[in-house]
Amino acid sequence: MEQTLYFILLLVALCSVSECVQRQYHFINERKTWTEAQRYCRENYTDLATADNMNDMNELNKSVNDERIWIGLQKTGHNKWQWSSGEPVLYLNWATGQPENNNCSMMRNGEWHVVGCDKSLTFICNSSNNNKLIVIRENLTWSEALRYCRQNHVDLVSVHSEEIQRRVMNVVKLASTAEVWLGLHNYCIMNMWLWVSGETVCYQNWAPGNGTKPENCKLEKRKGAVQSGGDQRWISRPETDKLNFICSRY
């Protein structure tokens, strides 16, 4: 019993540690409208660039020159702005006299301006790491999928942040099964969910009725999958189900 309590406290402590996510910025020397740039970034990286603080701005400025460049800031209402990723706006760096009456934001000389979204500009994408995700359209059990990913790529995907979940949502639409395996498994002894990467499940995106109730491990071992349609939330499935799956790769 003491050992069980210690393990639970350890997991809670790990989840409470704030991990600094270092964004990586990628200057794309192609001219596109804001919407086209957003689509390109979501397909090839994570999203159009987000900047939460001056450190992010310093990194952004390292990757660009003095031309006009799209970033992921868009007007959603009267004096309301939101990042393309859906994140709230925690930091603003408007140029003098900005924002004007337009809906999309671009950067010039390190300061933000708004212009019409149909302008053709170069742009900046961001990603949190270099790993990319790939959907494997083969129907395998969870253990077979794990083996496949480790032999051919890196691992079954671990979704430990909202940003990784958005990337999963972008690729899972390519699947041919209604659910798709993630690297998520139920640790029966503790009745807890863990990632195969060794990370604890701090960020969660369970569908209602899944992941929060004790699993009956005597009947079957349970693994985690993501819905390929709808809200693309996580669900608990028997590990012997044969589904498509998502591998992380370099």
C-alpha atoms as a PDB file:
ATOM      1  CA  MET A   1       0.000   0.000   0.000  1.00  0.00           C
ATOM      2  CA  GLU A   2       2.814   2.440   0.867  1.00  0.00           C
ATOM      3  CA  GLN A   3       4.542   1.589  -2.394  1.00  0.00           C
ATOM      4  CA  THR A   4       1.338   2.304  -4.320  1.00  0.00           C
ATOM      5  CA  LEU A   5       0.888   5.679  -2.614  1.00  0.00           C
ATOM      6  CA  TYR A   6       4.519   6.602  -3.320  1.00  0.00           C
ATOM      7  CA  PHE A   7       4.086   5.797  -7.014  1.00  0.00           C
ATOM      8  CA  ILE A   8       0.937   7.941  -7.286  1.00  0.00           C
ATOM      9  CA  LEU A   9       2.647  10.883  -5.553  1.00  0.00           C
ATOM     10  CA  LEU A  10       5.613  10.538  -7.897  1.00  0.00           C
ATOM     11  CA  LEU A  11       3.360  10.732 -10.964  1.00  0.00           C
ATOM     12  CA  VAL A  12       1.568  13.794  -9.606  1.00  0.00           C
ATOM     13  CA  ALA A  13       4.907  15.471  -8.981  1.00  0.00           C
ATOM     14  CA  LEU A  14       6.061  14.744 -12.513  1.00  0.00           C
ATOM     15  CA  CYS A  15       2.893  16.236 -13.963  1.00  0.00           C
ATOM     16  CA  SER A  16       3.259  19.382 -11.889  1.00  0.00           C
ATOM     17  CA  VAL A  17       6.719  20.160 -13.198  1.00  0.00           C
ATOM     18  CA  SER A  18       6.410  22.896 -15.797  1.00  0.00           C
ATOM     19  CA  GLU A  19       8.402  21.957 -18.860  1.00  0.00           C
ATOM     20  CA  CYS A  20       9.548  24.793 -21.074  1.00  0.00           C
ATOM     21  CA  VAL A  21       8.539  24.076 -24.662  1.00  0.00           C
ATOM     22  CA  GLN A  22      11.090  25.594 -27.027  1.00  0.00           C
ATOM     23  CA  ARG A  23       9.458  26.472 -30.317  1.00  0.00           C
ATOM     24  CA  GLN A  24      11.417  26.075 -33.505  1.00  0.00           C
ATOM     25  CA  TYR A  25      10.687  28.564 -36.276  1.00  0.00           C
ATOM     26  CA  HIS A  26      10.931  27.864 -39.998  1.00  0.00           C
ATOM     27  CA  PHE A  27      10.999  30.680 -42.542  1.00  0.00           C
ATOM     28  CA  ILE A  28       9.180  29.660 -45.739  1.00  0.00           C
ATOM     29  CA  ASN A  29      10.358  31.614 -48.767  1.00  0.00           C
ATOM     30  CA  GLU A  30       7.137  31.148 -50.730  1.00  0.00           C
ATOM     31  CA  ARG A  31       4.409  33.734 -51.164  1.00  0.00           C
ATOM     32  CA  LYS A  32       0.938  32.690 -50.058  1.00  0.00           C
ATOM     33  CA  THR A  33      -2.228  34.203 -48.639  1.00  0.00           C
ATOM     34  CA  TRP A  34      -2.671  33.905 -44.868  1.00  0.00           C
ATOM     35  CA  THR A  35      -5.026  30.931 -45.223  1.00  0.00           C
ATOM     36  CA  GLU A  36      -2.712  29.181 -47.692  1.00  0.00           C
ATOM     37  CA  ALA A  37       0.240  29.768 -45.365  1.00  0.00           C
ATOM     38  CA  GLN A  38      -1.750  28.354 -42.452  1.00  0.00           C
ATOM     39  CA  ARG A  39      -2.576  25.220 -44.447  1.00  0.00           C
ATOM     40  CA  TYR A  40       1.058  24.773 -45.498  1.00  0.00           C
ATOM     41  CA  CYS A  41       2.323  25.063 -41.905  1.00  0.00           C
ATOM     42  CA  ARG A  42      -0.266  22.636 -40.557  1.00  0.00           C
ATOM     43  CA  GLU A  43       0.564  20.071 -43.228  1.00  0.00           C
ATOM     44  CA  ASN A  44       4.359  20.339 -42.935  1.00  0.00           C
ATOM     45  CA  TYR A  45       5.093  21.598 -39.401  1.00  0.00           C
ATOM     46  CA  THR A  46       2.683  22.451 -36.575  1.00  0.00           C
ATOM     47  CA  ASP A  47       1.066  25.802 -37.386  1.00  0.00           C
ATOM     48  CA  LEU A  48       1.694  29.399 -38.408  1.00  0.00           C
ATOM     49  CA  ALA A  49       4.089  31.012 -35.952  1.00  0.00           C
ATOM     50  CA  THR A  50       2.974  31.741 -32.394  1.00  0.00           C
ATOM     51  CA  ALA A  51       4.925  34.134 -30.145  1.00  0.00           C
ATOM     52  CA  ASP A  52       4.069  34.183 -26.436  1.00  0.00           C
ATOM     53  CA  ASN A  53       6.884  36.387 -25.129  1.00  0.00           C
ATOM     54  CA  MET A  54      10.007  38.382 -25.992  1.00  0.00           C
ATOM     55  CA  ASN A  55      12.124  35.210 -26.113  1.00  0.00           C
ATOM     56  CA  ASP A  56       9.875  33.889 -28.876  1.00  0.00           C
ATOM     57  CA  MET A  57      10.180  37.216 -30.689  1.00  0.00           C
ATOM     58  CA  ASN A  58      13.973  37.068 -30.500  1.00  0.00           C
ATOM     59  CA  GLU A  59      13.896  33.597 -32.051  1.00  0.00           C
ATOM     60  CA  LEU A  60      11.478  34.767 -34.737  1.00  0.00           C
ATOM     61  CA  ASN A  61      13.727  37.675 -35.670  1.00  0.00           C
ATOM     62  CA  LYS A  62      16.726  35.375 -36.080  1.00  0.00           C
ATOM     63  CA  SER A  63      15.023  33.530 -38.923  1.00  0.00           C
ATOM     64  CA  VAL A  64      13.821  36.488 -41.017  1.00  0.00           C
ATOM     65  CA  ASN A  65      14.933  39.699 -42.727  1.00  0.00           C
ATOM     66  CA  ASP A  66      13.078  43.010 -42.973  1.00  0.00           C
ATOM     67  CA  GLU A  67      10.394  41.926 -45.447  1.00  0.00           C
ATOM     68  CA  ARG A  68       6.716  41.499 -44.583  1.00  0.00           C
ATOM     69  CA  ILE A  69       6.033  38.003 -43.228  1.00  0.00           C
ATOM     70  CA  TRP A  70       2.841  36.276 -42.070  1.00  0.00           C
ATOM     71  CA  ILE A  71       2.568  35.120 -38.453  1.00  0.00           C
ATOM     72  CA  GLY A  72      -0.328  33.131 -36.990  1.00  0.00           C
ATOM     73  CA  LEU A  73      -2.290  35.988 -35.409  1.00  0.00           C
ATOM     74  CA  GLN A  74      -5.831  36.562 -36.653  1.00  0.00           C
ATOM     75  CA  LYS A  75      -8.729  38.813 -35.633  1.00  0.00           C
ATOM     76  CA  THR A  76     -11.754  36.899 -34.321  1.00  0.00           C
ATOM     77  CA  GLY A  77     -13.972  39.781 -33.182  1.00  0.00           C
ATOM     78  CA  HIS A  78     -13.952  43.419 -32.131  1.00  0.00           C
ATOM     79  CA  ASN A  79     -10.508  43.946 -30.565  1.00  0.00           C
ATOM     80  CA  LYS A  80     -10.221  40.163 -30.176  1.00  0.00           C
ATOM     81  CA  TRP A  81      -7.195  38.272 -31.489  1.00  0.00           C
ATOM     82  CA  GLN A  82      -6.271  34.599 -31.441  1.00  0.00           C
ATOM     83  CA  TRP A  83      -3.367  32.502 -32.642  1.00  0.00           C
ATOM     84  CA  SER A  84      -3.933  30.114 -35.532  1.00  0.00           C
ATOM     85  CA  SER A  85      -3.221  27.241 -33.105  1.00  0.00           C
ATOM     86  CA  GLY A  86      -6.188  28.301 -30.956  1.00  0.00           C
ATOM     87  CA  GLU A  87      -3.940  29.475 -28.129  1.00  0.00           C
ATOM     88  CA  PRO A  88      -4.877  32.692 -26.272  1.00  0.00           C
ATOM     89  CA  VAL A  89      -2.861  35.842 -26.991  1.00  0.00           C
ATOM     90  CA  LEU A  90      -0.555  36.357 -23.997  1.00  0.00           C
ATOM     91  CA  TYR A  91       1.791  38.861 -25.617  1.00  0.00           C
ATOM     92  CA  LEU A  92       1.435  41.625 -28.219  1.00  0.00           C
ATOM     93  CA  ASN A  93       4.080  43.505 -30.172  1.00  0.00           C
ATOM     94  CA  TRP A  94       2.126  45.944 -32.337  1.00  0.00           C
ATOM     95  CA  ALA A  95       3.908  48.667 -34.299  1.00  0.00           C
ATOM     96  CA  THR A  96       2.904  52.277 -33.587  1.00  0.00           C
ATOM     97  CA  GLY A  97      -0.613  52.950 -34.867  1.00  0.00           C
ATOM     98  CA  GLN A  98      -1.501  49.254 -35.073  1.00  0.00           C
ATOM     99  CA  PRO A  99      -3.739  47.303 -35.223  1.00  0.00           C
ATOM    100  CA  GLU A 100      -5.681  48.838 -38.090  1.00  0.00           C
ATOM    101  CA  ASN A 101      -8.975  47.587 -39.469  1.00  0.00           C
ATOM    102  CA  ASN A 102      -7.806  44.320 -41.074  1.00  0.00           C
ATOM    103  CA  ASN A 103      -7.965  40.698 -39.933  1.00  0.00           C
ATOM    104  CA  CYS A 104      -4.553  39.049 -40.431  1.00  0.00           C
ATOM    105  CA  SER A 105      -1.223  39.841 -38.843  1.00  0.00           C
ATOM    106  CA  MET A 106       2.216  40.045 -40.379  1.00  0.00           C
ATOM    107  CA  MET A 107       5.617  41.004 -38.989  1.00  0.00           C
ATOM    108  CA  ARG A 108       8.029  43.629 -40.362  1.00  0.00           C
ATOM    109  CA  ASN A 109      11.251  44.739 -38.663  1.00  0.00           C
ATOM    110  CA  GLY A 110      10.273  42.807 -35.548  1.00  0.00           C
ATOM    111  CA  GLU A 111       6.919  44.575 -35.134  1.00  0.00           C
ATOM    112  CA  TRP A 112       3.392  43.412 -35.913  1.00  0.00           C
ATOM    113  CA  HIS A 113       1.018  44.969 -38.450  1.00  0.00           C
ATOM    114  CA  VAL A 114      -2.358  43.928 -39.814  1.00  0.00           C
ATOM    115  CA  VAL A 115      -3.139  43.686 -43.533  1.00  0.00           C
ATOM    116  CA  GLY A 116      -5.755  42.028 -45.718  1.00  0.00           C
ATOM    117  CA  CYS A 117      -5.637  38.230 -45.478  1.00  0.00           C
ATOM    118  CA  ASP A 118      -5.551  37.882 -49.271  1.00  0.00           C
ATOM    119  CA  LYS A 119      -2.087  39.470 -49.582  1.00  0.00           C
ATOM    120  CA  SER A 120       0.670  37.141 -50.836  1.00  0.00           C
ATOM    121  CA  LEU A 121       3.543  37.136 -48.345  1.00  0.00           C
ATOM    122  CA  THR A 122       6.298  34.833 -47.191  1.00  0.00           C
ATOM    123  CA  PHE A 123       5.636  33.336 -43.756  1.00  0.00           C
ATOM    124  CA  ILE A 124       6.948  31.574 -40.653  1.00  0.00           C
ATOM    125  CA  CYS A 125       5.860  28.151 -39.378  1.00  0.00           C
ATOM    126  CA  ASN A 126       6.640  26.781 -35.941  1.00  0.00           C
ATOM    127  CA  SER A 127       7.095  23.318 -34.488  1.00  0.00           C
ATOM    128  CA  SER A 128       7.859  22.132 -30.970  1.00  0.00           C
ATOM    129  CA  ASN A 129      10.357  19.498 -32.101  1.00  0.00           C
ATOM    130  CA  ASN A 130      11.624  17.827 -35.276  1.00  0.00           C
ATOM    131  CA  ASN A 131       9.522  14.703 -34.966  1.00  0.00           C
ATOM    132  CA  LYS A 132       6.852  14.207 -37.581  1.00  0.00           C
ATOM    133  CA  LEU A 133       3.884  11.878 -37.431  1.00  0.00           C
ATOM    134  CA  ILE A 134       2.803   9.284 -39.958  1.00  0.00           C
ATOM    135  CA  VAL A 135      -0.405   7.255 -40.155  1.00  0.00           C
ATOM    136  CA  ILE A 136       0.181   3.605 -41.039  1.00  0.00           C
ATOM    137  CA  ARG A 137      -2.845   2.272 -42.897  1.00  0.00           C
ATOM    138  CA  GLU A 138      -2.363  -1.326 -41.792  1.00  0.00           C
ATOM    139  CA  ASN A 139      -4.704  -3.034 -39.354  1.00  0.00           C
ATOM    140  CA  LEU A 140      -2.591  -4.369 -36.484  1.00  0.00           C
ATOM    141  CA  THR A 141      -3.085  -5.125 -32.805  1.00  0.00           C
ATOM    142  CA  TRP A 142      -1.622  -2.579 -30.393  1.00  0.00           C
ATOM    143  CA  SER A 143       1.467  -4.745 -29.693  1.00  0.00           C
ATOM    144  CA  GLU A 144       2.024  -5.341 -33.424  1.00  0.00           C
ATOM    145  CA  ALA A 145       1.692  -1.599 -34.075  1.00  0.00           C
ATOM    146  CA  LEU A 146       4.205  -0.832 -31.330  1.00  0.00           C
ATOM    147  CA  ARG A 147       6.685  -3.281 -32.841  1.00  0.00           C
ATOM    148  CA  TYR A 148       6.164  -1.848 -36.332  1.00  0.00           C
ATOM    149  CA  CYS A 149       6.806   1.751 -35.214  1.00  0.00           C
ATOM    150  CA  ARG A 150       9.942   0.830 -33.287  1.00  0.00           C
ATOM    151  CA  GLN A 151      11.355  -1.200 -36.155  1.00  0.00           C
ATOM    152  CA  ASN A 152      10.542   1.275 -38.941  1.00  0.00           C
ATOM    153  CA  HIS A 153      10.320   4.708 -37.310  1.00  0.00           C
ATOM    154  CA  VAL A 154      10.695   5.815 -33.666  1.00  0.00           C
ATOM    155  CA  ASP A 155       7.678   4.776 -31.574  1.00  0.00           C
ATOM    156  CA  LEU A 156       3.920   4.815 -31.305  1.00  0.00           C
ATOM    157  CA  VAL A 157       3.017   8.458 -30.811  1.00  0.00           C
ATOM    158  CA  SER A 158       2.828   9.949 -27.310  1.00  0.00           C
ATOM    159  CA  VAL A 159       0.443  12.902 -27.040  1.00  0.00           C
ATOM    160  CA  HIS A 160       1.753  14.845 -24.064  1.00  0.00           C
ATOM    161  CA  SER A 161       0.556  18.342 -25.057  1.00  0.00           C
ATOM    162  CA  GLU A 162      -2.237  20.147 -26.868  1.00  0.00           C
ATOM    163  CA  GLU A 163       0.199  20.957 -29.655  1.00  0.00           C
ATOM    164  CA  ILE A 164       0.957  17.271 -30.303  1.00  0.00           C
ATOM    165  CA  GLN A 165      -2.790  16.558 -30.206  1.00  0.00           C
ATOM    166  CA  ARG A 166      -3.328  19.135 -32.962  1.00  0.00           C
ATOM    167  CA  ARG A 167      -0.694  17.401 -35.053  1.00  0.00           C
ATOM    168  CA  VAL A 168      -2.401  14.055 -34.438  1.00  0.00           C
ATOM    169  CA  MET A 169      -5.711  15.605 -35.527  1.00  0.00           C
ATOM    170  CA  ASN A 170      -4.089  16.795 -38.750  1.00  0.00           C
ATOM    171  CA  VAL A 171      -2.808  13.355 -39.761  1.00  0.00           C
ATOM    172  CA  VAL A 172      -5.409  10.982 -38.309  1.00  0.00           C
ATOM    173  CA  LYS A 173      -7.930  12.041 -40.980  1.00  0.00           C
ATOM    174  CA  LEU A 174      -5.876   9.939 -43.414  1.00  0.00           C
ATOM    175  CA  ALA A 175      -6.695   6.719 -41.528  1.00  0.00           C
ATOM    176  CA  SER A 176      -8.952   3.995 -42.931  1.00  0.00           C
ATOM    177  CA  THR A 177     -10.263   2.831 -39.516  1.00  0.00           C
ATOM    178  CA  ALA A 178     -12.643   4.715 -37.209  1.00  0.00           C
ATOM    179  CA  GLU A 179     -10.113   4.531 -34.373  1.00  0.00           C
ATOM    180  CA  VAL A 180      -6.311   4.699 -34.569  1.00  0.00           C
ATOM    181  CA  TRP A 181      -3.793   3.382 -32.033  1.00  0.00           C
ATOM    182  CA  LEU A 182      -1.766   5.781 -29.878  1.00  0.00           C
ATOM    183  CA  GLY A 183       1.164   4.844 -27.638  1.00  0.00           C
ATOM    184  CA  LEU A 184      -1.166   4.829 -24.629  1.00  0.00           C
ATOM    185  CA  HIS A 185      -1.614   1.829 -22.370  1.00  0.00           C
ATOM    186  CA  ASN A 186      -3.385   1.029 -19.136  1.00  0.00           C
ATOM    187  CA  TYR A 187      -1.037  -0.003 -16.329  1.00  0.00           C
ATOM    188  CA  CYS A 188      -3.278  -2.606 -14.720  1.00  0.00           C
ATOM    189  CA  ILE A 189      -1.534  -2.913 -11.355  1.00  0.00           C
ATOM    190  CA  MET A 190      -2.154   0.780 -10.664  1.00  0.00           C
ATOM    191  CA  ASN A 191      -5.143   1.178 -13.002  1.00  0.00           C
ATOM    192  CA  MET A 192      -3.405   4.195 -14.537  1.00  0.00           C
ATOM    193  CA  TRP A 193      -2.723   5.269 -18.117  1.00  0.00           C
ATOM    194  CA  LEU A 194       0.854   5.780 -19.267  1.00  0.00           C
ATOM    195  CA  TRP A 195       2.648   6.571 -22.536  1.00  0.00           C
ATOM    196  CA  VAL A 196       5.066   4.053 -24.044  1.00  0.00           C
ATOM    197  CA  SER A 197       7.630   6.867 -24.207  1.00  0.00           C
ATOM    198  CA  GLY A 198       7.761   6.756 -20.389  1.00  0.00           C
ATOM    199  CA  GLU A 199       5.918  10.060 -19.966  1.00  0.00           C
ATOM    200  CA  THR A 200       2.979  10.376 -17.605  1.00  0.00           C
ATOM    201  CA  VAL A 201      -0.446  11.322 -18.916  1.00  0.00           C
ATOM    202  CA  CYS A 202      -0.627  14.969 -17.869  1.00  0.00           C
ATOM    203  CA  TYR A 203      -2.461  16.369 -20.894  1.00  0.00           C
ATOM    204  CA  GLN A 204      -5.667  14.409 -21.571  1.00  0.00           C
ATOM    205  CA  ASN A 205      -8.268  14.406 -24.338  1.00  0.00           C
ATOM    206  CA  TRP A 206     -10.580  11.503 -23.454  1.00  0.00           C
ATOM    207  CA  ALA A 207     -14.014  11.048 -25.011  1.00  0.00           C
ATOM    208  CA  PRO A 208     -16.821  10.957 -22.418  1.00  0.00           C
ATOM    209  CA  GLY A 209     -16.911   7.658 -20.544  1.00  0.00           C
ATOM    210  CA  ASN A 210     -13.324   6.752 -21.457  1.00  0.00           C
ATOM    211  CA  GLY A 211     -10.076   6.833 -19.505  1.00  0.00           C
ATOM    212  CA  THR A 212     -11.482   8.016 -16.181  1.00  0.00           C
ATOM    213  CA  LYS A 213     -13.103   4.839 -14.824  1.00  0.00           C
ATOM    214  CA  PRO A 214     -11.189   1.754 -13.591  1.00  0.00           C
ATOM    215  CA  GLU A 215     -10.636  -0.809 -16.358  1.00  0.00           C
ATOM    216  CA  ASN A 216     -11.436  -4.496 -15.807  1.00  0.00           C
ATOM    217  CA  CYS A 217      -8.007  -5.932 -16.571  1.00  0.00           C
ATOM    218  CA  LYS A 218      -9.157  -9.467 -15.767  1.00  0.00           C
ATOM    219  CA  LEU A 219     -11.220  -9.497 -18.943  1.00  0.00           C
ATOM    220  CA  GLU A 220      -8.757  -7.866 -21.352  1.00  0.00           C
ATOM    221  CA  LYS A 221      -5.886  -5.416 -21.429  1.00  0.00           C
ATOM    222  CA  ARG A 222      -6.848  -1.950 -22.591  1.00  0.00           C
ATOM    223  CA  LYS A 223      -4.944   0.454 -24.836  1.00  0.00           C
ATOM    224  CA  GLY A 224      -5.587   3.991 -26.022  1.00  0.00           C
ATOM    225  CA  ALA A 225      -6.736   5.027 -29.501  1.00  0.00           C
ATOM    226  CA  VAL A 226      -7.846   8.302 -31.097  1.00  0.00           C
ATOM    227  CA  GLN A 227     -11.006   8.706 -33.143  1.00  0.00           C
ATOM    228  CA  SER A 228     -10.257   9.469 -36.794  1.00  0.00           C
ATOM    229  CA  GLY A 229     -13.501  11.438 -37.186  1.00  0.00           C
ATOM    230  CA  GLY A 230     -15.733  13.622 -35.048  1.00  0.00           C
ATOM    231  CA  ASP A 231     -13.952  15.380 -32.191  1.00  0.00           C
ATOM    232  CA  GLN A 232     -10.920  13.064 -32.552  1.00  0.00           C
ATOM    233  CA  ARG A 233     -10.847  12.277 -28.853  1.00  0.00           C
ATOM    234  CA  TRP A 234      -9.173   9.340 -27.114  1.00  0.00           C
ATOM    235  CA  ILE A 235     -10.958   6.092 -26.352  1.00  0.00           C
ATOM    236  CA  SER A 236     -10.114   2.851 -24.531  1.00  0.00           C
ATOM    237  CA  ARG A 237     -10.000  -0.284 -26.715  1.00  0.00           C
ATOM    238  CA  PRO A 238      -9.063  -3.945 -26.200  1.00  0.00           C
ATOM    239  CA  GLU A 239      -5.427  -4.405 -27.219  1.00  0.00           C
ATOM    240  CA  THR A 240      -6.368  -7.211 -29.641  1.00  0.00           C
ATOM    241  CA  ASP A 241      -8.424  -4.890 -31.872  1.00  0.00           C
ATOM    242  CA  LYS A 242      -6.813  -4.374 -35.267  1.00  0.00           C
ATOM    243  CA  LEU A 243      -6.533  -0.704 -36.158  1.00  0.00           C
ATOM    244  CA  ASN A 244      -4.445   1.777 -38.129  1.00  0.00           C
ATOM    245  CA  PHE A 245      -1.846   3.529 -35.978  1.00  0.00           C
ATOM    246  CA  ILE A 246       0.347   6.627 -35.745  1.00  0.00           C
ATOM    247  CA  CYS A 247       4.131   6.451 -35.531  1.00  0.00           C
ATOM    248  CA  SER A 248       6.439   9.295 -34.613  1.00  0.00           C
ATOM    249  CA  ARG A 249       9.433   9.626 -36.895  1.00  0.00           C
ATOM    250  CA  TYR A 250      12.461  11.865 -37.318  1.00  0.00           C
END
